[in-house]
Amino acid sequence: MLYMDDVTMSESFLQVQDPGQDSKMQQAIETVKCWGHINNMLRNPKKTKEMVIEFKRRPSQIPNLMLDETAVERVQAGLLLRLYIQNDLKWERNTDMILSKAAKRLYFLTQLKR
């Protein structure tokens, strides 16, 4: 058996257009789960994360996604293609990571110079 790795799904969910509109993300998770079963691939619910990006003053009450009867963890930030994405779409965490790497490399270069 193999593990599914690095699957990213997204959904645009605009309640303004249709207040009764439901999220299709749970259905998409079930589809991926079936595809994995057919192709003898496992998924790890503990490594599965969910991020909700929303700019409302009062956040919507979005139900948690379920995978193998386990609630998917909702996170504030995540790493995707070496880029930290935050749920408020700000760049602080990503910039801090880049500055930290640059400082380590600069320190290494100054030590080599001596």
C-alpha atoms as a PDB file:
ATOM      1  CA  MET A   1       0.000   0.000   0.000  1.00  0.00           C
ATOM      2  CA  LEU A   2       1.103   3.549  -0.752  1.00  0.00           C
ATOM      3  CA  TYR A   3       0.148   6.765   0.964  1.00  0.00           C
ATOM      4  CA  MET A   4      -1.522   9.702  -0.736  1.00  0.00           C
ATOM      5  CA  ASP A   5       0.707  12.734  -0.385  1.00  0.00           C
ATOM      6  CA  ASP A   6       0.382  16.419  -1.226  1.00  0.00           C
ATOM      7  CA  VAL A   7      -3.218  16.535  -2.374  1.00  0.00           C
ATOM      8  CA  THR A   8      -4.572  20.098  -2.393  1.00  0.00           C
ATOM      9  CA  MET A   9      -8.239  20.944  -2.919  1.00  0.00           C
ATOM     10  CA  SER A  10      -9.938  24.326  -2.888  1.00  0.00           C
ATOM     11  CA  GLU A  11     -13.440  25.670  -3.102  1.00  0.00           C
ATOM     12  CA  SER A  12     -14.837  29.141  -3.635  1.00  0.00           C
ATOM     13  CA  PHE A  13     -17.768  29.529  -1.297  1.00  0.00           C
ATOM     14  CA  LEU A  14     -19.734  32.755  -1.695  1.00  0.00           C
ATOM     15  CA  GLN A  15     -22.698  32.894   0.672  1.00  0.00           C
ATOM     16  CA  VAL A  16     -23.602  36.331  -0.671  1.00  0.00           C
ATOM     17  CA  GLN A  17     -24.784  34.830  -3.939  1.00  0.00           C
ATOM     18  CA  ASP A  18     -26.799  31.967  -2.453  1.00  0.00           C
ATOM     19  CA  PRO A  19     -27.396  31.832   1.315  1.00  0.00           C
ATOM     20  CA  GLY A  20     -28.565  28.210   1.102  1.00  0.00           C
ATOM     21  CA  GLN A  21     -25.474  27.043  -0.770  1.00  0.00           C
ATOM     22  CA  ASP A  22     -23.674  24.124   0.879  1.00  0.00           C
ATOM     23  CA  SER A  23     -19.996  23.299   0.704  1.00  0.00           C
ATOM     24  CA  LYS A  24     -19.021  20.521  -1.704  1.00  0.00           C
ATOM     25  CA  MET A  25     -15.687  19.902   0.053  1.00  0.00           C
ATOM     26  CA  GLN A  26     -16.910  16.909   2.087  1.00  0.00           C
ATOM     27  CA  GLN A  27     -18.137  15.296  -1.131  1.00  0.00           C
ATOM     28  CA  ALA A  28     -14.742  15.982  -2.764  1.00  0.00           C
ATOM     29  CA  ILE A  29     -12.969  14.335   0.184  1.00  0.00           C
ATOM     30  CA  GLU A  30     -15.156  11.256  -0.210  1.00  0.00           C
ATOM     31  CA  THR A  31     -14.350  11.142  -3.945  1.00  0.00           C
ATOM     32  CA  VAL A  32     -10.598  11.287  -3.251  1.00  0.00           C
ATOM     33  CA  LYS A  33     -11.031   8.631  -0.568  1.00  0.00           C
ATOM     34  CA  CYS A  34     -12.788   6.292  -3.065  1.00  0.00           C
ATOM     35  CA  TRP A  35     -10.119   6.968  -5.690  1.00  0.00           C
ATOM     36  CA  GLY A  36      -7.441   6.054  -3.153  1.00  0.00           C
ATOM     37  CA  HIS A  37      -9.248   2.843  -2.244  1.00  0.00           C
ATOM     38  CA  ILE A  38      -9.499   1.818  -5.911  1.00  0.00           C
ATOM     39  CA  ASN A  39      -5.775   2.564  -6.441  1.00  0.00           C
ATOM     40  CA  ASN A  40      -4.661   0.865  -3.180  1.00  0.00           C
ATOM     41  CA  MET A  41      -3.574   4.122  -1.564  1.00  0.00           C
ATOM     42  CA  LEU A  42      -4.008   5.103   2.069  1.00  0.00           C
ATOM     43  CA  ARG A  43      -4.547   8.549   3.531  1.00  0.00           C
ATOM     44  CA  ASN A  44      -3.462   9.800   6.923  1.00  0.00           C
ATOM     45  CA  PRO A  45      -6.239  11.785   8.645  1.00  0.00           C
ATOM     46  CA  LYS A  46      -3.759  13.103  11.241  1.00  0.00           C
ATOM     47  CA  LYS A  47      -1.748  14.842   8.505  1.00  0.00           C
ATOM     48  CA  THR A  48      -4.813  16.250   6.742  1.00  0.00           C
ATOM     49  CA  LYS A  49      -5.391  19.978   7.340  1.00  0.00           C
ATOM     50  CA  GLU A  50      -8.098  22.461   6.452  1.00  0.00           C
ATOM     51  CA  MET A  51      -7.716  26.219   6.090  1.00  0.00           C
ATOM     52  CA  VAL A  52     -10.652  28.608   5.778  1.00  0.00           C
ATOM     53  CA  ILE A  53      -9.844  31.967   4.192  1.00  0.00           C
ATOM     54  CA  GLU A  54     -12.561  34.458   4.999  1.00  0.00           C
ATOM     55  CA  PHE A  55     -12.598  38.238   5.406  1.00  0.00           C
ATOM     56  CA  LYS A  56     -15.912  38.754   7.177  1.00  0.00           C
ATOM     57  CA  ARG A  57     -16.064  40.588  10.491  1.00  0.00           C
ATOM     58  CA  ARG A  58     -18.084  37.727  11.934  1.00  0.00           C
ATOM     59  CA  PRO A  59     -16.751  34.426  10.576  1.00  0.00           C
ATOM     60  CA  SER A  60     -19.251  31.950   9.196  1.00  0.00           C
ATOM     61  CA  GLN A  61     -20.004  28.778  11.112  1.00  0.00           C
ATOM     62  CA  ILE A  62     -18.538  26.242   8.708  1.00  0.00           C
ATOM     63  CA  PRO A  63     -18.825  22.615   9.859  1.00  0.00           C
ATOM     64  CA  ASN A  64     -15.620  20.619  10.255  1.00  0.00           C
ATOM     65  CA  LEU A  65     -14.707  18.229   7.482  1.00  0.00           C
ATOM     66  CA  MET A  66     -14.560  14.540   8.359  1.00  0.00           C
ATOM     67  CA  LEU A  67     -12.093  11.952   7.077  1.00  0.00           C
ATOM     68  CA  ASP A  68     -12.373   8.354   8.273  1.00  0.00           C
ATOM     69  CA  GLU A  69     -14.671   9.468  11.105  1.00  0.00           C
ATOM     70  CA  THR A  70     -11.995  11.912  12.318  1.00  0.00           C
ATOM     71  CA  ALA A  71     -12.493  15.688  12.245  1.00  0.00           C
ATOM     72  CA  VAL A  72      -9.966  17.380   9.955  1.00  0.00           C
ATOM     73  CA  GLU A  73      -7.779  19.871  11.845  1.00  0.00           C
ATOM     74  CA  ARG A  74      -8.436  23.520  10.945  1.00  0.00           C
ATOM     75  CA  VAL A  75      -5.200  25.548  10.797  1.00  0.00           C
ATOM     76  CA  GLN A  76      -4.312  29.255  10.613  1.00  0.00           C
ATOM     77  CA  ALA A  77      -1.281  28.760   8.327  1.00  0.00           C
ATOM     78  CA  GLY A  78       0.165  26.020   6.171  1.00  0.00           C
ATOM     79  CA  LEU A  79       3.124  25.285   3.954  1.00  0.00           C
ATOM     80  CA  LEU A  80       2.297  24.782   0.273  1.00  0.00           C
ATOM     81  CA  LEU A  81       5.046  24.546  -2.350  1.00  0.00           C
ATOM     82  CA  ARG A  82       7.562  26.093   0.110  1.00  0.00           C
ATOM     83  CA  LEU A  83       5.304  29.088   0.666  1.00  0.00           C
ATOM     84  CA  TYR A  84       3.624  29.747   4.004  1.00  0.00           C
ATOM     85  CA  ILE A  85       0.015  30.664   3.389  1.00  0.00           C
ATOM     86  CA  GLN A  86      -1.937  32.280   6.226  1.00  0.00           C
ATOM     87  CA  ASN A  87      -5.709  32.331   6.466  1.00  0.00           C
ATOM     88  CA  ASP A  88      -5.645  36.156   6.466  1.00  0.00           C
ATOM     89  CA  LEU A  89      -3.400  36.105   3.341  1.00  0.00           C
ATOM     90  CA  LYS A  90      -0.675  38.160   5.022  1.00  0.00           C
ATOM     91  CA  TRP A  91       3.016  37.497   4.432  1.00  0.00           C
ATOM     92  CA  GLU A  92       4.576  37.802   7.929  1.00  0.00           C
ATOM     93  CA  ARG A  93       5.257  34.109   8.520  1.00  0.00           C
ATOM     94  CA  ASN A  94       6.631  33.557   5.019  1.00  0.00           C
ATOM     95  CA  THR A  95       8.866  36.654   5.274  1.00  0.00           C
ATOM     96  CA  ASP A  96      10.134  35.557   8.702  1.00  0.00           C
ATOM     97  CA  MET A  97      11.017  32.138   7.285  1.00  0.00           C
ATOM     98  CA  ILE A  98      12.953  33.664   4.372  1.00  0.00           C
ATOM     99  CA  LEU A  99      14.787  36.119   6.653  1.00  0.00           C
ATOM    100  CA  SER A 100      15.717  33.313   9.037  1.00  0.00           C
ATOM    101  CA  LYS A 101      17.193  31.223   6.215  1.00  0.00           C
ATOM    102  CA  ALA A 102      19.092  34.226   4.843  1.00  0.00           C
ATOM    103  CA  ALA A 103      20.529  35.054   8.294  1.00  0.00           C
ATOM    104  CA  LYS A 104      21.734  31.466   8.772  1.00  0.00           C
ATOM    105  CA  ARG A 105      23.434  31.446   5.369  1.00  0.00           C
ATOM    106  CA  LEU A 106      24.972  34.874   5.918  1.00  0.00           C
ATOM    107  CA  TYR A 107      26.350  33.731   9.269  1.00  0.00           C
ATOM    108  CA  PHE A 108      27.828  30.653   7.588  1.00  0.00           C
ATOM    109  CA  LEU A 109      29.490  32.816   4.939  1.00  0.00           C
ATOM    110  CA  THR A 110      31.016  35.130   7.582  1.00  0.00           C
ATOM    111  CA  GLN A 111      32.413  32.080   9.385  1.00  0.00           C
ATOM    112  CA  LEU A 112      33.985  30.826   6.152  1.00  0.00           C
ATOM    113  CA  LYS A 113      35.562  34.239   5.544  1.00  0.00           C
ATOM    114  CA  ARG A 114      37.510  34.037   8.839  1.00  0.00           C
END
